[in-house]
Amino acid sequence: MTGSFLSAFDLNKTITELQMSEAKRLIHNSRALHAEYRRNAELVKCVYDLAWEVLKYTLGEKNISLPIDVRRVADVLGFVVSSDDFSSVELDYILSDHDCLPVAQLKMRRKLFGKEGESICGTIRVAKNLNENSTRFSIAHELGHVVLRHQNPIGSSVVREACPGMYPLVDTDEVMADMFAQALLLPYQLFQTKRDEYERDRTHWPLDFSTWIAYIRDKAQIPEYHAVIACQEIKKRDIIERIGQAEDLFQKWILSISGNILELENVCSAVKSLYARTVFNLEGWGYSSEQVADILFGTWSKYGGTKDSQIRRDFVSILHDYWLETVITDDGEPKQNSDLSLPPPVLQHIFNSLYDVGLSKVGIGKVTGLEDYMDSAQKSAAEYPLEDTQDVQNKTPDSEDNVTGTEPVSDQPI
């Protein structure tokens, strides 16, 4: 983790750092934590996307519905499911001082004959005393070990250690197999559909989390414990889905105002760099991420952008990540900017969008980091006229483009 105050577990030290640190340093640390969370969410998305590909391969996309036919999935992948007495395995675990009893076991082997010789097949043993929901989850969990390649079959027969059940502390492989099982039995796409149906069905009103969990548990036929976790993981998956859509829209917008697809990658990087620095400066003056999104992108609809406030906030998240990856050095200082290479139409749009929300020429120079280059940048942007007398703080509440409640916390004038 970066030098965040959250990395220290001494409360007094944490409070002192909060009181003594510069606002920009605290913002940088906060954005670094957010970026770390999004990187974790990207892993979740990869697992969910992989599970969906498995379902399409084994069931056919038109036949994917809740509850997922997990035994059919296992069969198509070459695994036989059996319900067995685990008493001998339990005894081995007890004698080995394990802190939990197993509920399933995976045995993989090579096919040494037939058309699919040398391919992998095997058996999934599930404890016979499990209820159906737990049995289904255990099968999906063991398939997760196969699909995520947690076990490399070297010989003719390899036995995977028994799945340790639901509650004990486990290693990374087990957590990842659980995530795959949740993604396989409650796919993101079907979850979205069921959620929309649930919210439209007035018999479920007032909407309540516990009844929603019971509803989705019964639809997916999975243990309630994993239904709760799956709902939280799907939130992460949804964040990355939205960020990806916003990224595509961001690039389409840049293309629409630059008009040169050959330079799109370079132009997109330069625009991101300029906007990322602008976001960071505005937040350093006391604006929240929501306020910054409205200031920078609230008038995008005039220039082919979007009116969706959530997408505007996702733009800010994209810029936060870009700031951390590209714009600043390891010590948190901005790199030398090269944004004057932007095409004049792009610079003109940036000046237009900032001027529309009330930033003065001086204010635009400060928040974009072009303060020392404003004259030449303005000239390259077709001599767009900027007035020196208006800024965000002086924007009247009744103005069409005013951002409600965007009074800066600090006294530093824009």
Protein backbone atom coordinates (compact mmCIF):
# COMPACT_ATOMS: atom_id res chain seq x y z
CA MET A 1 0.00 0.00 0.00
CA THR A 2 1.12 3.57 -0.55
CA GLY A 3 2.02 5.83 2.38
CA SER A 4 -1.56 6.03 3.56
CA PHE A 5 -2.46 6.83 7.14
CA LEU A 6 -4.53 3.64 7.00
CA SER A 7 -1.33 1.61 6.85
CA ALA A 8 -0.53 2.63 10.45
CA PHE A 9 -2.42 0.95 13.26
CA ASP A 10 -1.53 3.50 15.94
CA LEU A 11 -4.61 5.67 16.46
CA ASN A 12 -2.70 8.66 17.82
CA LYS A 13 -0.27 8.54 14.91
CA THR A 14 -3.16 8.30 12.48
CA ILE A 15 -4.91 11.34 13.94
CA THR A 16 -1.67 13.32 13.97
CA GLU A 17 -0.99 12.49 10.33
CA LEU A 18 -4.50 13.50 9.39
CA GLN A 19 -4.06 16.84 11.15
CA MET A 20 -0.58 17.58 9.81
CA SER A 21 -0.78 16.29 6.24
CA GLU A 22 -1.44 18.53 3.27
CA ALA A 23 -4.85 18.10 1.65
CA LYS A 24 -3.34 16.91 -1.63
CA ARG A 25 -1.36 14.17 0.13
CA LEU A 26 -4.48 12.89 1.89
CA ILE A 27 -6.40 12.97 -1.39
CA HIS A 28 -3.61 11.06 -3.10
CA ASN A 29 -3.67 8.38 -0.38
CA SER A 30 -7.45 8.11 -0.56
CA ARG A 31 -7.36 7.70 -4.35
CA ALA A 32 -4.66 5.06 -4.01
CA LEU A 33 -6.94 3.04 -1.72
CA HIS A 34 -9.81 3.37 -4.19
CA ALA A 35 -7.55 2.24 -7.02
CA GLU A 36 -6.45 -0.80 -4.99
CA TYR A 37 -10.10 -1.73 -4.49
CA ARG A 38 -10.78 -1.42 -8.22
CA ARG A 39 -7.81 -3.68 -8.98
CA ASN A 40 -9.38 -6.27 -6.70
CA ALA A 41 -12.69 -5.75 -8.49
CA GLU A 42 -10.97 -6.42 -11.82
CA LEU A 43 -9.96 -9.85 -10.51
CA VAL A 44 -13.58 -10.52 -9.54
CA LYS A 45 -14.71 -9.54 -13.04
CA CYS A 46 -12.18 -11.94 -14.60
CA VAL A 47 -13.52 -14.84 -12.53
CA TYR A 48 -17.15 -13.98 -13.30
CA ASP A 49 -16.42 -13.66 -17.01
CA LEU A 50 -14.61 -17.00 -16.98
CA ALA A 51 -17.55 -18.69 -15.23
CA TRP A 52 -19.91 -17.27 -17.86
CA GLU A 53 -17.73 -18.70 -20.64
CA VAL A 54 -17.86 -22.10 -18.90
CA LEU A 55 -21.66 -21.92 -18.81
CA LYS A 56 -21.86 -20.98 -22.48
CA TYR A 57 -19.54 -23.86 -23.40
CA THR A 58 -21.31 -26.50 -21.32
CA LEU A 59 -24.97 -25.46 -21.44
CA GLY A 60 -25.26 -23.14 -24.44
CA GLU A 61 -26.06 -19.47 -23.85
CA LYS A 62 -29.78 -19.92 -24.60
CA ASN A 63 -30.07 -22.62 -21.93
CA ILE A 64 -28.45 -20.69 -19.08
CA SER A 65 -31.09 -20.08 -16.41
CA LEU A 66 -31.47 -20.29 -12.64
CA PRO A 67 -30.97 -22.67 -10.99
CA ILE A 68 -27.83 -23.59 -12.94
CA ASP A 69 -27.66 -27.28 -13.85
CA VAL A 70 -24.26 -27.73 -12.21
CA ARG A 71 -24.26 -31.50 -12.62
CA ARG A 72 -24.66 -31.05 -16.37
CA VAL A 73 -21.75 -28.59 -16.34
CA ALA A 74 -19.58 -31.14 -14.53
CA ASP A 75 -20.61 -33.89 -16.93
CA VAL A 76 -19.74 -31.90 -20.06
CA LEU A 77 -16.36 -31.03 -18.52
CA GLY A 78 -15.69 -34.74 -18.02
CA PHE A 79 -16.35 -35.14 -14.29
CA VAL A 80 -18.55 -37.71 -12.59
CA VAL A 81 -20.30 -36.60 -9.39
CA SER A 82 -20.79 -39.09 -6.60
CA SER A 83 -22.30 -38.89 -3.12
CA ASP A 84 -20.07 -40.72 -0.65
CA ASP A 85 -19.48 -41.46 3.01
CA PHE A 86 -16.52 -39.32 4.13
CA SER A 87 -15.93 -41.10 7.43
CA SER A 88 -12.47 -42.36 6.43
CA VAL A 89 -11.42 -38.92 5.18
CA GLU A 90 -12.79 -37.32 8.34
CA LEU A 91 -10.69 -39.67 10.46
CA ASP A 92 -7.55 -38.73 8.53
CA TYR A 93 -8.31 -35.04 9.07
CA ILE A 94 -8.86 -35.51 12.79
CA LEU A 95 -5.63 -37.46 13.17
CA SER A 96 -3.79 -34.75 11.20
CA ASP A 97 -4.98 -32.04 13.63
CA HIS A 98 -7.07 -30.24 11.00
CA ASP A 99 -9.54 -27.75 12.46
CA CYS A 100 -12.44 -28.67 10.17
CA LEU A 101 -14.10 -31.58 8.42
CA PRO A 102 -14.25 -31.92 4.61
CA VAL A 103 -17.41 -31.81 2.52
CA ALA A 104 -16.06 -32.63 -0.96
CA GLN A 105 -13.06 -34.04 -2.77
CA LEU A 106 -11.78 -33.74 -6.33
CA LYS A 107 -9.97 -36.56 -8.09
CA MET A 108 -8.49 -35.75 -11.50
CA ARG A 109 -6.94 -38.18 -13.94
CA ARG A 110 -5.81 -38.34 -17.53
CA LYS A 111 -7.94 -40.12 -20.11
CA LEU A 112 -5.65 -42.72 -21.58
CA PHE A 113 -8.03 -44.03 -24.23
CA GLY A 114 -10.83 -42.93 -26.56
CA LYS A 115 -11.09 -39.94 -28.87
CA GLU A 116 -10.15 -37.57 -26.07
CA GLY A 117 -7.05 -39.42 -24.98
CA GLU A 118 -4.71 -37.43 -22.72
CA SER A 119 -7.48 -35.00 -21.76
CA ILE A 120 -8.39 -34.47 -18.11
CA CYS A 121 -11.43 -36.03 -16.46
CA GLY A 122 -12.19 -37.16 -12.96
CA THR A 123 -14.57 -37.60 -10.07
CA ILE A 124 -16.09 -35.11 -7.63
CA ARG A 125 -17.01 -36.76 -4.35
CA VAL A 126 -19.51 -34.93 -2.17
CA ALA A 127 -20.46 -35.84 1.40
CA LYS A 128 -23.85 -37.54 1.31
CA ASN A 129 -25.15 -35.73 4.39
CA LEU A 130 -25.15 -32.30 2.69
CA ASN A 131 -28.40 -30.64 1.67
CA GLU A 132 -28.98 -29.94 -2.02
CA ASN A 133 -27.87 -26.29 -1.95
CA SER A 134 -24.59 -27.19 -0.25
CA THR A 135 -24.07 -30.12 -2.61
CA ARG A 136 -24.52 -27.88 -5.64
CA PHE A 137 -22.07 -25.36 -4.25
CA SER A 138 -19.50 -28.05 -3.44
CA ILE A 139 -19.64 -29.36 -7.01
CA ALA A 140 -19.16 -25.84 -8.39
CA HIS A 141 -16.33 -25.23 -5.92
CA GLU A 142 -14.43 -28.32 -7.09
CA LEU A 143 -14.95 -27.31 -10.72
CA GLY A 144 -13.42 -23.98 -9.74
CA HIS A 145 -10.20 -25.77 -8.80
CA VAL A 146 -10.17 -27.33 -12.28
CA VAL A 147 -11.03 -24.23 -14.31
CA LEU A 148 -8.72 -21.96 -12.30
CA ARG A 149 -5.98 -24.60 -12.68
CA HIS A 150 -5.19 -24.87 -8.98
CA GLN A 151 -4.04 -28.45 -9.49
CA ASN A 152 -1.62 -29.52 -12.20
CA PRO A 153 -2.25 -33.22 -12.96
CA ILE A 154 1.14 -34.81 -13.56
CA GLY A 155 0.56 -38.50 -13.09
CA SER A 156 -2.31 -40.73 -14.09
CA SER A 157 -4.28 -39.92 -10.94
CA VAL A 158 -4.17 -36.84 -8.73
CA VAL A 159 -6.38 -36.31 -5.67
CA ARG A 160 -7.18 -32.77 -4.65
CA GLU A 161 -7.34 -32.25 -0.89
CA ALA A 162 -10.87 -32.28 0.41
CA CYS A 163 -12.81 -29.00 0.33
CA PRO A 164 -12.64 -27.75 3.93
CA GLY A 165 -16.26 -26.69 4.27
CA MET A 166 -17.82 -23.30 4.74
CA TYR A 167 -16.45 -21.52 7.79
CA PRO A 168 -12.76 -22.24 8.50
CA LEU A 169 -9.91 -19.95 7.54
CA VAL A 170 -8.45 -21.26 4.29
CA ASP A 171 -5.78 -20.53 1.71
CA THR A 172 -6.08 -18.47 -1.48
CA ASP A 173 -7.01 -21.42 -3.70
CA GLU A 174 -10.07 -22.17 -1.59
CA VAL A 175 -11.26 -18.56 -1.58
CA MET A 176 -10.83 -18.33 -5.36
CA ALA A 177 -12.71 -21.62 -5.86
CA ASP A 178 -15.53 -20.22 -3.72
CA MET A 179 -15.62 -17.09 -5.88
CA PHE A 180 -15.81 -19.20 -9.03
CA ALA A 181 -18.63 -21.28 -7.55
CA GLN A 182 -20.58 -18.13 -6.69
CA ALA A 183 -20.03 -16.81 -10.22
CA LEU A 184 -21.07 -20.12 -11.80
CA LEU A 185 -24.25 -20.61 -9.77
CA LEU A 186 -25.27 -16.93 -9.67
CA PRO A 187 -23.96 -15.38 -12.91
CA TYR A 188 -23.74 -11.61 -13.13
CA GLN A 189 -26.06 -11.47 -16.14
CA LEU A 190 -28.85 -13.48 -14.48
CA PHE A 191 -28.38 -11.65 -11.19
CA GLN A 192 -29.06 -8.34 -12.97
CA THR A 193 -32.22 -9.73 -14.55
CA LYS A 194 -33.55 -11.18 -11.29
CA ARG A 195 -32.77 -7.97 -9.41
CA ASP A 196 -34.76 -5.92 -11.92
CA GLU A 197 -37.67 -8.36 -11.71
CA TYR A 198 -37.55 -8.28 -7.91
CA GLU A 199 -37.57 -4.48 -7.76
CA ARG A 200 -40.50 -4.26 -10.21
CA ASP A 201 -42.57 -6.84 -8.30
CA ARG A 202 -44.55 -4.74 -5.85
CA THR A 203 -45.28 -7.75 -3.64
CA HIS A 204 -41.70 -7.43 -2.38
CA TRP A 205 -42.12 -3.82 -1.28
CA PRO A 206 -40.86 -2.32 0.90
CA LEU A 207 -37.56 -3.67 -0.40
CA ASP A 208 -35.56 -5.37 2.34
CA PHE A 209 -32.07 -6.87 2.13
CA SER A 210 -32.84 -10.02 4.12
CA THR A 211 -35.87 -10.93 1.99
CA TRP A 212 -33.88 -10.17 -1.17
CA ILE A 213 -31.12 -12.55 -0.03
CA ALA A 214 -33.68 -15.27 0.67
CA TYR A 215 -35.21 -14.66 -2.76
CA ILE A 216 -31.94 -14.89 -4.67
CA ARG A 217 -30.81 -17.85 -2.53
CA ASP A 218 -33.90 -19.81 -3.55
CA LYS A 219 -33.64 -18.79 -7.21
CA ALA A 220 -29.98 -19.82 -7.45
CA GLN A 221 -30.30 -22.73 -4.98
CA ILE A 222 -27.10 -21.90 -3.13
CA PRO A 223 -26.33 -21.61 0.61
CA GLU A 224 -27.50 -18.29 2.05
CA TYR A 225 -23.98 -17.57 3.31
CA HIS A 226 -22.66 -17.63 -0.25
CA ALA A 227 -25.66 -15.70 -1.59
CA VAL A 228 -24.67 -12.80 0.69
CA ILE A 229 -21.03 -12.94 -0.41
CA ALA A 230 -22.01 -13.25 -4.08
CA CYS A 231 -24.12 -10.09 -3.86
CA GLN A 232 -21.10 -8.19 -2.54
CA GLU A 233 -18.77 -9.62 -5.20
CA ILE A 234 -21.26 -8.71 -7.91
CA LYS A 235 -21.12 -5.11 -6.70
CA LYS A 236 -17.39 -5.17 -7.44
CA ARG A 237 -18.05 -6.77 -10.83
CA ASP A 238 -20.58 -4.05 -11.60
CA ILE A 239 -18.09 -1.28 -10.76
CA ILE A 240 -15.62 -2.59 -13.34
CA GLU A 241 -18.40 -3.09 -15.89
CA ARG A 242 -19.42 0.55 -15.52
CA ILE A 243 -15.83 1.79 -15.58
CA GLY A 244 -15.25 -0.10 -18.83
CA GLN A 245 -18.34 1.42 -20.42
CA ALA A 246 -17.31 4.88 -19.25
CA GLU A 247 -13.81 4.36 -20.67
CA ASP A 248 -15.31 3.52 -24.08
CA LEU A 249 -17.53 6.60 -23.95
CA PHE A 250 -14.57 8.75 -22.91
CA GLN A 251 -12.56 7.64 -25.94
CA LYS A 252 -15.52 8.09 -28.31
CA TRP A 253 -15.97 11.62 -27.04
CA ILE A 254 -12.29 12.45 -27.54
CA LEU A 255 -12.48 11.03 -31.06
CA SER A 256 -15.57 13.11 -31.79
CA ILE A 257 -13.79 16.36 -30.95
CA SER A 258 -10.31 15.49 -32.24
CA GLY A 259 -11.42 14.02 -35.55
CA ASN A 260 -8.24 12.00 -36.07
CA ILE A 261 -8.47 8.29 -35.31
CA LEU A 262 -4.78 7.79 -36.13
CA GLU A 263 -3.79 9.88 -33.13
CA LEU A 264 -6.57 8.73 -30.81
CA GLU A 265 -4.28 6.86 -28.39
CA ASN A 266 -1.88 9.79 -27.98
CA VAL A 267 -4.69 12.35 -27.81
CA CYS A 268 -6.61 10.26 -25.26
CA SER A 269 -3.52 10.01 -23.03
CA ALA A 270 -2.91 13.75 -23.23
CA VAL A 271 -6.55 14.58 -22.45
CA LYS A 272 -6.55 12.16 -19.52
CA SER A 273 -3.36 13.70 -18.20
CA LEU A 274 -4.79 17.20 -18.38
CA TYR A 275 -8.14 16.26 -16.85
CA ALA A 276 -6.52 14.09 -14.15
CA ARG A 277 -4.42 17.04 -13.00
CA THR A 278 -7.54 19.21 -13.07
CA VAL A 279 -9.48 16.71 -10.94
CA PHE A 280 -6.67 16.53 -8.42
CA ASN A 281 -6.38 20.32 -8.14
CA LEU A 282 -10.12 20.86 -7.72
CA GLU A 283 -10.29 18.22 -4.99
CA GLY A 284 -7.27 19.81 -3.33
CA TRP A 285 -9.32 22.99 -3.05
CA GLY A 286 -12.11 21.18 -1.23
CA TYR A 287 -14.47 19.89 -3.90
CA SER A 288 -15.86 16.35 -3.56
CA SER A 289 -15.59 13.81 -6.36
CA GLU A 290 -19.29 14.29 -7.13
CA GLN A 291 -18.87 18.05 -7.36
CA VAL A 292 -15.81 17.68 -9.57
CA ALA A 293 -17.75 15.35 -11.87
CA ASP A 294 -20.46 17.97 -12.24
CA ILE A 295 -17.99 20.82 -12.76
CA LEU A 296 -15.93 19.06 -15.42
CA PHE A 297 -18.56 16.97 -17.17
CA GLY A 298 -21.90 18.55 -16.31
CA THR A 299 -22.04 20.37 -19.66
CA TRP A 300 -20.73 17.50 -21.78
CA SER A 301 -24.17 16.94 -23.29
CA LYS A 302 -23.66 20.20 -25.18
CA TYR A 303 -20.61 18.72 -26.86
CA GLY A 304 -21.78 15.17 -27.51
CA GLY A 305 -21.23 13.90 -23.95
CA THR A 306 -23.60 12.28 -21.47
CA LYS A 307 -26.20 13.50 -19.00
CA ASP A 308 -25.81 10.37 -16.83
CA SER A 309 -24.45 11.51 -13.45
CA GLN A 310 -23.14 8.02 -12.62
CA ILE A 311 -21.08 7.91 -15.81
CA ARG A 312 -19.68 11.34 -14.98
CA ARG A 313 -18.57 10.00 -11.59
CA ASP A 314 -17.02 7.00 -13.34
CA PHE A 315 -15.06 9.43 -15.52
CA VAL A 316 -13.56 10.85 -12.33
CA SER A 317 -12.62 7.34 -11.16
CA ILE A 318 -10.89 6.71 -14.50
CA LEU A 319 -8.96 9.94 -14.08
CA HIS A 320 -8.02 9.08 -10.49
CA ASP A 321 -6.48 5.80 -11.67
CA TYR A 322 -4.74 7.49 -14.57
CA TRP A 323 -3.32 10.11 -12.20
CA LEU A 324 -1.79 7.43 -9.99
CA GLU A 325 -0.42 5.41 -12.90
CA THR A 326 0.85 8.09 -15.25
CA VAL A 327 0.66 11.71 -14.17
CA ILE A 328 2.53 11.72 -10.86
CA THR A 329 5.97 10.53 -9.86
CA ASP A 330 6.67 8.05 -7.07
CA ASP A 331 6.98 10.88 -4.56
CA GLY A 332 3.55 12.23 -5.50
CA GLU A 333 4.75 15.21 -7.53
CA PRO A 334 3.27 15.96 -11.00
CA LYS A 335 5.40 15.06 -13.98
CA GLN A 336 6.34 17.68 -16.55
CA ASN A 337 3.23 18.24 -18.65
CA SER A 338 3.19 18.06 -22.42
CA ASP A 339 -0.46 18.86 -22.97
CA LEU A 340 0.25 21.69 -25.42
CA SER A 341 0.55 18.98 -28.07
CA LEU A 342 -3.22 18.53 -27.88
CA PRO A 343 -5.09 19.37 -31.09
CA PRO A 344 -6.62 22.89 -30.96
CA PRO A 345 -10.24 21.56 -31.07
CA VAL A 346 -9.54 19.48 -27.95
CA LEU A 347 -8.00 22.40 -26.06
CA GLN A 348 -10.87 24.60 -27.15
CA HIS A 349 -13.41 22.09 -25.83
CA ILE A 350 -11.59 21.84 -22.50
CA PHE A 351 -11.58 25.63 -22.16
CA ASN A 352 -15.26 25.76 -23.18
CA SER A 353 -16.37 23.14 -20.65
CA LEU A 354 -14.47 24.79 -17.79
CA TYR A 355 -15.55 28.27 -18.76
CA ASP A 356 -19.19 27.13 -18.97
CA VAL A 357 -19.18 26.32 -15.25
CA GLY A 358 -17.70 29.70 -14.37
CA LEU A 359 -13.93 29.30 -14.19
CA SER A 360 -12.01 32.41 -15.15
CA LYS A 361 -9.00 32.40 -17.44
CA VAL A 362 -6.76 32.46 -14.37
CA GLY A 363 -8.77 29.66 -12.73
CA ILE A 364 -8.56 27.48 -15.82
CA GLY A 365 -4.81 27.98 -15.92
CA LYS A 366 -4.47 26.93 -12.28
CA VAL A 367 -6.65 23.82 -12.31
CA THR A 368 -5.28 22.51 -15.60
CA GLY A 369 -1.66 23.21 -14.77
CA LEU A 370 -1.37 25.38 -17.89
CA GLU A 371 -1.03 28.58 -15.91
CA ASP A 372 2.37 29.38 -17.43
CA TYR A 373 1.21 28.49 -20.93
CA MET A 374 -2.31 29.92 -21.07
CA ASP A 375 -1.56 32.58 -23.65
CA SER A 376 -0.01 30.17 -26.15
CA ALA A 377 -2.54 27.41 -25.35
CA GLN A 378 -5.43 29.83 -25.77
CA LYS A 379 -4.03 31.06 -29.05
CA SER A 380 -3.67 27.49 -30.33
CA ALA A 381 -7.31 26.91 -29.39
CA ALA A 382 -8.51 29.29 -32.06
CA GLU A 383 -8.15 32.31 -29.77
CA TYR A 384 -11.10 31.30 -27.62
CA PRO A 385 -12.08 34.36 -25.49
CA LEU A 386 -11.89 33.90 -21.73
CA GLU A 387 -13.16 36.47 -19.25
CA ASP A 388 -11.14 37.24 -16.14
CA THR A 389 -14.06 38.41 -14.01
CA GLN A 390 -15.99 35.19 -13.39
CA ASP A 391 -15.14 32.11 -11.37
CA VAL A 392 -16.87 29.16 -9.72
CA GLN A 393 -17.24 30.89 -6.36
CA ASN A 394 -19.08 33.81 -7.98
CA LYS A 395 -21.42 31.59 -10.00
CA THR A 396 -24.99 32.43 -8.97
CA PRO A 397 -27.31 29.65 -7.72
CA ASP A 398 -29.88 30.48 -10.39
CA SER A 399 -27.46 30.06 -13.28
CA GLU A 400 -28.30 27.22 -15.66
CA ASP A 401 -24.85 25.65 -15.41
CA ASN A 402 -24.36 26.15 -11.68
CA VAL A 403 -23.15 23.14 -9.71
CA THR A 404 -25.27 22.97 -6.58
CA GLY A 405 -23.35 23.06 -3.34
CA THR A 406 -19.90 23.33 -4.87
CA GLU A 407 -18.55 25.96 -2.50
CA PRO A 408 -14.86 25.12 -1.96
CA VAL A 409 -13.87 24.20 1.55
CA SER A 410 -10.58 26.10 1.40
CA ASP A 411 -10.29 29.88 1.04
CA GLN A 412 -7.94 29.67 -1.92
CA PRO A 413 -9.57 31.54 -4.80
CA ILE A 414 -10.00 29.89 -8.15
